[in-house]
């Protein structure tokens, strides 16, 4: 029972944060570990809750008309390919090398967010053609999907920043597209963990219900309030990720 008391409230918070700006795994995965769940089981069980929650926020964005389905599905396919590549690279490359890269990259990303106060709500939003937007989204999904398979934390946040910055999407469309990409990656990972028996089903399903509640509330805030909510949460996620990497 103590596992449920530790995990469920924190997974609710993780779902709330993840639906707004990504990075929920920075909260939920440590929650499972703090509750005494072994690392591999923690990863698999965390994916179950995350997948259940992401289904809800994706559905809510879809209902509000913020998902470009053709673009999102092509990008999702690229993310799955990238995740497979990243998973295999993780067996060969040094995690220390990637952490060093992240320590350099995160302050740069944070500076970009601080400088870019509009977060996909300026005169350049929508200035690209549909084809250009799709190509950038697919490239971003492939690269960030590879990162997700290799390392993972902050994947949704990075996607959101690239889609609003390089692909010139408005914030709500970028959030919806990010959810579709994340959902496809989560499902692929969850299937892998289930096949290998690395999911605690009772805890995962219960935590998933709390994650659904967090995603539902958080995605509703994005739909209603947009960048007023997203920008500060993105900065908080980046700060948490930086601290996590520094502490190792």
C-alpha atoms as a PDB file:
ATOM      1  CA  UNK A   1       0.000   0.000   0.000  1.00  0.00           C
ATOM      2  CA  UNK A   2       2.858   2.422   0.709  1.00  0.00           C
ATOM      3  CA  UNK A   3       3.870   2.152  -2.972  1.00  0.00           C
ATOM      4  CA  UNK A   4       0.433   3.382  -4.039  1.00  0.00           C
ATOM      5  CA  UNK A   5       0.494   6.247  -1.502  1.00  0.00           C
ATOM      6  CA  UNK A   6       3.857   7.449  -2.829  1.00  0.00           C
ATOM      7  CA  UNK A   7       3.355   6.825  -6.534  1.00  0.00           C
ATOM      8  CA  UNK A   8      -0.242   7.877  -7.246  1.00  0.00           C
ATOM      9  CA  UNK A   9      -0.161  11.550  -6.104  1.00  0.00           C
ATOM     10  CA  UNK A  10       3.181  12.121  -7.817  1.00  0.00           C
ATOM     11  CA  UNK A  11       2.002  10.454 -11.025  1.00  0.00           C
ATOM     12  CA  UNK A  12      -1.029  12.779 -11.014  1.00  0.00           C
ATOM     13  CA  UNK A  13       1.369  15.747 -10.811  1.00  0.00           C
ATOM     14  CA  UNK A  14       3.574  14.210 -13.524  1.00  0.00           C
ATOM     15  CA  UNK A  15       0.571  13.802 -15.831  1.00  0.00           C
ATOM     16  CA  UNK A  16      -0.453  17.408 -15.232  1.00  0.00           C
ATOM     17  CA  UNK A  17       3.026  18.721 -16.082  1.00  0.00           C
ATOM     18  CA  UNK A  18       3.501  16.334 -19.007  1.00  0.00           C
ATOM     19  CA  UNK A  19       0.245  17.338 -20.685  1.00  0.00           C
ATOM     20  CA  UNK A  20       1.256  21.002 -20.565  1.00  0.00           C
ATOM     21  CA  UNK A  21       4.930  20.977 -21.486  1.00  0.00           C
ATOM     22  CA  UNK A  22       6.359  17.446 -21.383  1.00  0.00           C
ATOM     23  CA  UNK A  23       8.887  16.239 -18.838  1.00  0.00           C
ATOM     24  CA  UNK A  24       6.457  14.350 -16.602  1.00  0.00           C
ATOM     25  CA  UNK A  25       8.901  11.449 -16.407  1.00  0.00           C
ATOM     26  CA  UNK A  26      11.179  13.658 -14.308  1.00  0.00           C
ATOM     27  CA  UNK A  27       8.552  13.332 -11.576  1.00  0.00           C
ATOM     28  CA  UNK A  28       6.956   9.933 -12.134  1.00  0.00           C
ATOM     29  CA  UNK A  29      10.017   7.731 -12.627  1.00  0.00           C
ATOM     30  CA  UNK A  30      11.736   8.870  -9.390  1.00  0.00           C
ATOM     31  CA  UNK A  31       8.386   8.294  -7.641  1.00  0.00           C
ATOM     32  CA  UNK A  32       8.424   4.605  -8.575  1.00  0.00           C
ATOM     33  CA  UNK A  33      12.058   4.284  -7.504  1.00  0.00           C
ATOM     34  CA  UNK A  34      11.341   6.062  -4.193  1.00  0.00           C
ATOM     35  CA  UNK A  35       8.522   3.570  -3.597  1.00  0.00           C
ATOM     36  CA  UNK A  36      11.022   0.728  -3.857  1.00  0.00           C
ATOM     37  CA  UNK A  37      10.133  -0.530  -7.345  1.00  0.00           C
ATOM     38  CA  UNK A  38      13.217  -2.081  -9.043  1.00  0.00           C
ATOM     39  CA  UNK A  39      14.594   0.057 -11.927  1.00  0.00           C
ATOM     40  CA  UNK A  40      13.496  -2.073 -14.892  1.00  0.00           C
ATOM     41  CA  UNK A  41      10.030  -2.609 -13.438  1.00  0.00           C
ATOM     42  CA  UNK A  42       9.862   1.120 -12.645  1.00  0.00           C
ATOM     43  CA  UNK A  43      10.594   1.982 -16.293  1.00  0.00           C
ATOM     44  CA  UNK A  44       7.962  -0.403 -17.616  1.00  0.00           C
ATOM     45  CA  UNK A  45       5.270   0.472 -15.066  1.00  0.00           C
ATOM     46  CA  UNK A  46       5.930   4.171 -15.597  1.00  0.00           C
ATOM     47  CA  UNK A  47       5.373   3.705 -19.340  1.00  0.00           C
ATOM     48  CA  UNK A  48       1.978   2.133 -18.692  1.00  0.00           C
ATOM     49  CA  UNK A  49       0.755   5.119 -16.662  1.00  0.00           C
ATOM     50  CA  UNK A  50       2.278   7.592 -19.087  1.00  0.00           C
ATOM     51  CA  UNK A  51       0.657   5.897 -22.081  1.00  0.00           C
ATOM     52  CA  UNK A  52      -2.783   5.875 -20.441  1.00  0.00           C
ATOM     53  CA  UNK A  53      -2.502   9.565 -19.561  1.00  0.00           C
ATOM     54  CA  UNK A  54      -1.194  10.605 -22.980  1.00  0.00           C
ATOM     55  CA  UNK A  55      -4.180   8.914 -24.662  1.00  0.00           C
ATOM     56  CA  UNK A  56      -6.470  11.307 -22.777  1.00  0.00           C
ATOM     57  CA  UNK A  57      -4.572  14.516 -23.498  1.00  0.00           C
ATOM     58  CA  UNK A  58      -4.185  13.489 -27.156  1.00  0.00           C
ATOM     59  CA  UNK A  59      -7.932  12.875 -27.386  1.00  0.00           C
ATOM     60  CA  UNK A  60      -8.666  16.237 -25.800  1.00  0.00           C
ATOM     61  CA  UNK A  61      -6.430  18.094 -28.256  1.00  0.00           C
ATOM     62  CA  UNK A  62      -8.005  16.122 -31.131  1.00  0.00           C
ATOM     63  CA  UNK A  63     -11.517  17.012 -29.970  1.00  0.00           C
ATOM     64  CA  UNK A  64     -10.531  20.683 -29.913  1.00  0.00           C
ATOM     65  CA  UNK A  65      -9.199  20.421 -33.488  1.00  0.00           C
ATOM     66  CA  UNK A  66      -5.542  21.089 -32.642  1.00  0.00           C
ATOM     67  CA  UNK A  67      -4.038  18.020 -34.345  1.00  0.00           C
ATOM     68  CA  UNK A  68      -2.962  17.972 -38.001  1.00  0.00           C
ATOM     69  CA  UNK A  69      -3.431  14.232 -38.454  1.00  0.00           C
ATOM     70  CA  UNK A  70      -1.494  13.618 -41.668  1.00  0.00           C
ATOM     71  CA  UNK A  71       1.523  15.548 -40.387  1.00  0.00           C
ATOM     72  CA  UNK A  72       1.299  14.026 -36.911  1.00  0.00           C
ATOM     73  CA  UNK A  73       1.098  10.421 -38.115  1.00  0.00           C
ATOM     74  CA  UNK A  74       4.088  10.789 -40.448  1.00  0.00           C
ATOM     75  CA  UNK A  75       6.049  12.404 -37.602  1.00  0.00           C
ATOM     76  CA  UNK A  76       4.954   9.639 -35.204  1.00  0.00           C
ATOM     77  CA  UNK A  77       6.298   6.989 -37.597  1.00  0.00           C
ATOM     78  CA  UNK A  78       9.647   8.810 -37.661  1.00  0.00           C
ATOM     79  CA  UNK A  79       9.666   8.961 -33.854  1.00  0.00           C
ATOM     80  CA  UNK A  80       9.188   5.187 -33.629  1.00  0.00           C
ATOM     81  CA  UNK A  81      12.104   4.623 -36.028  1.00  0.00           C
ATOM     82  CA  UNK A  82      14.226   7.074 -34.043  1.00  0.00           C
ATOM     83  CA  UNK A  83      13.345   5.403 -30.752  1.00  0.00           C
ATOM     84  CA  UNK A  84      14.444   2.016 -32.099  1.00  0.00           C
ATOM     85  CA  UNK A  85      17.728   3.531 -33.314  1.00  0.00           C
ATOM     86  CA  UNK A  86      18.266   5.296 -29.990  1.00  0.00           C
ATOM     87  CA  UNK A  87      17.618   2.162 -27.971  1.00  0.00           C
ATOM     88  CA  UNK A  88      20.284   0.299 -29.933  1.00  0.00           C
ATOM     89  CA  UNK A  89      22.752   3.191 -29.734  1.00  0.00           C
ATOM     90  CA  UNK A  90      22.335   3.289 -25.961  1.00  0.00           C
ATOM     91  CA  UNK A  91      23.941  -0.139 -25.816  1.00  0.00           C
ATOM     92  CA  UNK A  92      27.052   1.227 -27.542  1.00  0.00           C
ATOM     93  CA  UNK A  93      27.508   4.841 -26.467  1.00  0.00           C
ATOM     94  CA  UNK A  94      28.516   6.303 -23.129  1.00  0.00           C
ATOM     95  CA  UNK A  95      25.761   7.923 -21.048  1.00  0.00           C
ATOM     96  CA  UNK A  96      28.432  10.265 -19.691  1.00  0.00           C
ATOM     97  CA  UNK A  97      28.946  11.624 -23.218  1.00  0.00           C
ATOM     98  CA  UNK A  98      25.240  12.401 -23.643  1.00  0.00           C
ATOM     99  CA  UNK A  99      25.025  14.002 -20.190  1.00  0.00           C
ATOM    100  CA  UNK A 100      27.911  16.286 -21.162  1.00  0.00           C
ATOM    101  CA  UNK A 101      26.021  17.323 -24.298  1.00  0.00           C
ATOM    102  CA  UNK A 102      22.873  17.989 -22.282  1.00  0.00           C
ATOM    103  CA  UNK A 103      24.715  20.161 -19.748  1.00  0.00           C
ATOM    104  CA  UNK A 104      25.737  22.360 -22.662  1.00  0.00           C
ATOM    105  CA  UNK A 105      22.410  22.262 -24.505  1.00  0.00           C
ATOM    106  CA  UNK A 106      19.944  22.891 -21.656  1.00  0.00           C
ATOM    107  CA  UNK A 107      21.088  26.431 -20.762  1.00  0.00           C
ATOM    108  CA  UNK A 108      20.916  27.299 -24.487  1.00  0.00           C
ATOM    109  CA  UNK A 109      17.360  25.956 -24.714  1.00  0.00           C
ATOM    110  CA  UNK A 110      16.356  27.799 -21.526  1.00  0.00           C
ATOM    111  CA  UNK A 111      17.778  31.049 -22.956  1.00  0.00           C
ATOM    112  CA  UNK A 112      15.722  30.498 -26.107  1.00  0.00           C
ATOM    113  CA  UNK A 113      12.520  30.063 -24.063  1.00  0.00           C
ATOM    114  CA  UNK A 114      13.268  33.184 -22.004  1.00  0.00           C
ATOM    115  CA  UNK A 115      13.954  35.211 -25.132  1.00  0.00           C
ATOM    116  CA  UNK A 116      11.030  33.828 -27.115  1.00  0.00           C
ATOM    117  CA  UNK A 117       8.151  35.143 -25.023  1.00  0.00           C
ATOM    118  CA  UNK A 118       5.568  34.425 -27.714  1.00  0.00           C
ATOM    119  CA  UNK A 119       5.921  30.606 -27.751  1.00  0.00           C
ATOM    120  CA  UNK A 120       4.280  30.116 -31.148  1.00  0.00           C
ATOM    121  CA  UNK A 121       2.073  33.177 -31.045  1.00  0.00           C
ATOM    122  CA  UNK A 122       3.700  35.796 -33.287  1.00  0.00           C
ATOM    123  CA  UNK A 123       3.677  37.133 -36.831  1.00  0.00           C
ATOM    124  CA  UNK A 124       5.786  34.222 -38.121  1.00  0.00           C
ATOM    125  CA  UNK A 125       3.386  31.538 -36.878  1.00  0.00           C
ATOM    126  CA  UNK A 126       1.977  29.610 -39.823  1.00  0.00           C
ATOM    127  CA  UNK A 127       4.446  31.217 -42.244  1.00  0.00           C
ATOM    128  CA  UNK A 128       5.661  27.862 -43.630  1.00  0.00           C
ATOM    129  CA  UNK A 129       3.908  25.702 -46.206  1.00  0.00           C
ATOM    130  CA  UNK A 130       2.280  22.450 -45.143  1.00  0.00           C
ATOM    131  CA  UNK A 131       5.083  20.481 -46.819  1.00  0.00           C
ATOM    132  CA  UNK A 132       7.824  22.471 -45.058  1.00  0.00           C
ATOM    133  CA  UNK A 133       6.056  22.051 -41.726  1.00  0.00           C
ATOM    134  CA  UNK A 134       5.761  18.308 -42.281  1.00  0.00           C
ATOM    135  CA  UNK A 135       9.432  17.863 -43.233  1.00  0.00           C
ATOM    136  CA  UNK A 136      10.632  19.796 -40.175  1.00  0.00           C
ATOM    137  CA  UNK A 137       8.250  17.881 -37.906  1.00  0.00           C
ATOM    138  CA  UNK A 138       9.389  14.518 -39.284  1.00  0.00           C
ATOM    139  CA  UNK A 139      13.061  15.442 -38.898  1.00  0.00           C
ATOM    140  CA  UNK A 140      12.450  16.666 -35.342  1.00  0.00           C
ATOM    141  CA  UNK A 141      10.514  13.493 -34.481  1.00  0.00           C
ATOM    142  CA  UNK A 142      13.306  11.300 -35.837  1.00  0.00           C
ATOM    143  CA  UNK A 143      16.094  13.132 -33.987  1.00  0.00           C
ATOM    144  CA  UNK A 144      14.228  13.653 -30.712  1.00  0.00           C
ATOM    145  CA  UNK A 145      12.755  10.147 -30.954  1.00  0.00           C
ATOM    146  CA  UNK A 146      16.329   8.850 -31.139  1.00  0.00           C
ATOM    147  CA  UNK A 147      17.130  10.872 -28.021  1.00  0.00           C
ATOM    148  CA  UNK A 148      14.032   9.433 -26.339  1.00  0.00           C
ATOM    149  CA  UNK A 149      15.180   5.883 -27.037  1.00  0.00           C
ATOM    150  CA  UNK A 150      18.714   6.669 -25.925  1.00  0.00           C
ATOM    151  CA  UNK A 151      18.088   8.779 -22.811  1.00  0.00           C
ATOM    152  CA  UNK A 152      14.579  10.252 -22.659  1.00  0.00           C
ATOM    153  CA  UNK A 153      13.932  12.995 -20.075  1.00  0.00           C
ATOM    154  CA  UNK A 154      12.401  16.168 -21.517  1.00  0.00           C
ATOM    155  CA  UNK A 155      11.429  14.652 -24.890  1.00  0.00           C
ATOM    156  CA  UNK A 156       8.010  16.335 -25.004  1.00  0.00           C
ATOM    157  CA  UNK A 157       9.507  19.680 -23.995  1.00  0.00           C
ATOM    158  CA  UNK A 158      12.093  19.579 -26.780  1.00  0.00           C
ATOM    159  CA  UNK A 159       9.446  18.608 -29.350  1.00  0.00           C
ATOM    160  CA  UNK A 160       7.241  21.493 -28.272  1.00  0.00           C
ATOM    161  CA  UNK A 161      10.093  23.991 -28.621  1.00  0.00           C
ATOM    162  CA  UNK A 162      11.112  22.751 -32.082  1.00  0.00           C
ATOM    163  CA  UNK A 163       7.556  22.666 -33.410  1.00  0.00           C
ATOM    164  CA  UNK A 164       6.782  26.206 -32.245  1.00  0.00           C
ATOM    165  CA  UNK A 165      10.228  27.558 -33.188  1.00  0.00           C
ATOM    166  CA  UNK A 166      11.403  25.831 -36.376  1.00  0.00           C
ATOM    167  CA  UNK A 167       8.093  24.502 -37.745  1.00  0.00           C
ATOM    168  CA  UNK A 168       6.290  27.782 -36.905  1.00  0.00           C
ATOM    169  CA  UNK A 169       3.244  26.038 -35.454  1.00  0.00           C
ATOM    170  CA  UNK A 170       0.989  27.841 -33.042  1.00  0.00           C
ATOM    171  CA  UNK A 171       1.277  26.569 -29.485  1.00  0.00           C
ATOM    172  CA  UNK A 172      -1.921  24.533 -29.397  1.00  0.00           C
ATOM    173  CA  UNK A 173      -1.218  22.729 -32.695  1.00  0.00           C
ATOM    174  CA  UNK A 174       2.367  22.055 -31.588  1.00  0.00           C
ATOM    175  CA  UNK A 175       1.079  20.643 -28.290  1.00  0.00           C
ATOM    176  CA  UNK A 176      -1.369  18.367 -30.094  1.00  0.00           C
ATOM    177  CA  UNK A 177       1.296  17.145 -32.531  1.00  0.00           C
ATOM    178  CA  UNK A 178       3.696  16.518 -29.647  1.00  0.00           C
ATOM    179  CA  UNK A 179       1.095  14.366 -27.921  1.00  0.00           C
ATOM    180  CA  UNK A 180       0.590  12.154 -31.001  1.00  0.00           C
ATOM    181  CA  UNK A 181       4.354  11.666 -31.371  1.00  0.00           C
ATOM    182  CA  UNK A 182       4.773  10.950 -27.660  1.00  0.00           C
ATOM    183  CA  UNK A 183       1.864   8.525 -27.624  1.00  0.00           C
ATOM    184  CA  UNK A 184       3.295   6.451 -30.479  1.00  0.00           C
ATOM    185  CA  UNK A 185       6.691   6.306 -28.792  1.00  0.00           C
ATOM    186  CA  UNK A 186       5.111   5.372 -25.442  1.00  0.00           C
ATOM    187  CA  UNK A 187       3.043   2.568 -26.942  1.00  0.00           C
ATOM    188  CA  UNK A 188       6.078   1.076 -28.702  1.00  0.00           C
ATOM    189  CA  UNK A 189       8.073   1.144 -25.458  1.00  0.00           C
ATOM    190  CA  UNK A 190       5.183  -0.220 -23.370  1.00  0.00           C
ATOM    191  CA  UNK A 191       4.718  -3.199 -25.710  1.00  0.00           C
ATOM    192  CA  UNK A 192       8.429  -3.969 -25.366  1.00  0.00           C
ATOM    193  CA  UNK A 193       8.240  -3.844 -21.554  1.00  0.00           C
ATOM    194  CA  UNK A 194       5.065  -5.967 -21.463  1.00  0.00           C
ATOM    195  CA  UNK A 195       6.597  -8.641 -23.692  1.00  0.00           C
ATOM    196  CA  UNK A 196       9.590  -8.794 -21.356  1.00  0.00           C
ATOM    197  CA  UNK A 197       7.464  -8.926 -18.190  1.00  0.00           C
ATOM    198  CA  UNK A 198       8.699  -5.584 -16.845  1.00  0.00           C
ATOM    199  CA  UNK A 199       5.331  -4.042 -15.884  1.00  0.00           C
ATOM    200  CA  UNK A 200       3.607  -4.269 -12.474  1.00  0.00           C
ATOM    201  CA  UNK A 201       0.052  -4.346 -13.833  1.00  0.00           C
ATOM    202  CA  UNK A 202      -1.993  -3.509 -10.656  1.00  0.00           C
ATOM    203  CA  UNK A 203       0.255  -0.553  -9.742  1.00  0.00           C
ATOM    204  CA  UNK A 204       0.570   0.546 -13.374  1.00  0.00           C
ATOM    205  CA  UNK A 205      -3.196   0.565 -13.996  1.00  0.00           C
ATOM    206  CA  UNK A 206      -3.963   2.373 -10.715  1.00  0.00           C
ATOM    207  CA  UNK A 207      -1.253   4.971 -11.348  1.00  0.00           C
ATOM    208  CA  UNK A 208      -2.547   5.276 -14.913  1.00  0.00           C
ATOM    209  CA  UNK A 209      -5.931   6.438 -13.605  1.00  0.00           C
ATOM    210  CA  UNK A 210      -4.212   9.211 -11.635  1.00  0.00           C
ATOM    211  CA  UNK A 211      -2.106  10.066 -14.679  1.00  0.00           C
ATOM    212  CA  UNK A 212      -5.271  10.326 -16.777  1.00  0.00           C
ATOM    213  CA  UNK A 213      -6.707  12.838 -14.293  1.00  0.00           C
ATOM    214  CA  UNK A 214      -3.515  14.923 -14.431  1.00  0.00           C
ATOM    215  CA  UNK A 215      -3.443  14.876 -18.240  1.00  0.00           C
ATOM    216  CA  UNK A 216      -7.121  15.791 -18.477  1.00  0.00           C
ATOM    217  CA  UNK A 217      -6.782  18.835 -16.235  1.00  0.00           C
ATOM    218  CA  UNK A 218      -3.461  19.957 -17.728  1.00  0.00           C
ATOM    219  CA  UNK A 219      -4.506  19.655 -21.372  1.00  0.00           C
ATOM    220  CA  UNK A 220      -7.654  21.629 -20.563  1.00  0.00           C
ATOM    221  CA  UNK A 221      -5.507  24.453 -19.206  1.00  0.00           C
ATOM    222  CA  UNK A 222      -3.439  24.534 -22.421  1.00  0.00           C
ATOM    223  CA  UNK A 223      -6.574  24.654 -24.561  1.00  0.00           C
ATOM    224  CA  UNK A 224      -7.944  27.546 -22.490  1.00  0.00           C
ATOM    225  CA  UNK A 225      -4.858  29.534 -21.474  1.00  0.00           C
ATOM    226  CA  UNK A 226      -2.179  28.693 -24.040  1.00  0.00           C
ATOM    227  CA  UNK A 227       1.283  30.161 -23.628  1.00  0.00           C
ATOM    228  CA  UNK A 228       0.480  31.849 -20.273  1.00  0.00           C
ATOM    229  CA  UNK A 229       0.508  28.355 -18.763  1.00  0.00           C
ATOM    230  CA  UNK A 230       3.023  26.591 -20.995  1.00  0.00           C
ATOM    231  CA  UNK A 231       6.019  28.950 -20.923  1.00  0.00           C
ATOM    232  CA  UNK A 232       6.638  28.939 -17.134  1.00  0.00           C
ATOM    233  CA  UNK A 233       6.088  25.169 -16.968  1.00  0.00           C
ATOM    234  CA  UNK A 234       8.613  24.619 -19.795  1.00  0.00           C
ATOM    235  CA  UNK A 235      11.197  26.659 -17.871  1.00  0.00           C
ATOM    236  CA  UNK A 236      10.500  24.700 -14.674  1.00  0.00           C
ATOM    237  CA  UNK A 237      10.904  21.378 -16.519  1.00  0.00           C
ATOM    238  CA  UNK A 238      14.201  22.512 -18.066  1.00  0.00           C
ATOM    239  CA  UNK A 239      15.477  23.567 -14.646  1.00  0.00           C
ATOM    240  CA  UNK A 240      14.507  20.210 -13.096  1.00  0.00           C
ATOM    241  CA  UNK A 241      16.153  18.338 -15.958  1.00  0.00           C
ATOM    242  CA  UNK A 242      19.363  20.367 -15.578  1.00  0.00           C
ATOM    243  CA  UNK A 243      19.489  19.706 -11.821  1.00  0.00           C
ATOM    244  CA  UNK A 244      18.819  15.997 -12.378  1.00  0.00           C
ATOM    245  CA  UNK A 245      21.686  15.712 -14.873  1.00  0.00           C
ATOM    246  CA  UNK A 246      24.107  17.689 -12.644  1.00  0.00           C
ATOM    247  CA  UNK A 247      23.329  15.439  -9.682  1.00  0.00           C
ATOM    248  CA  UNK A 248      23.686  12.378 -11.890  1.00  0.00           C
END
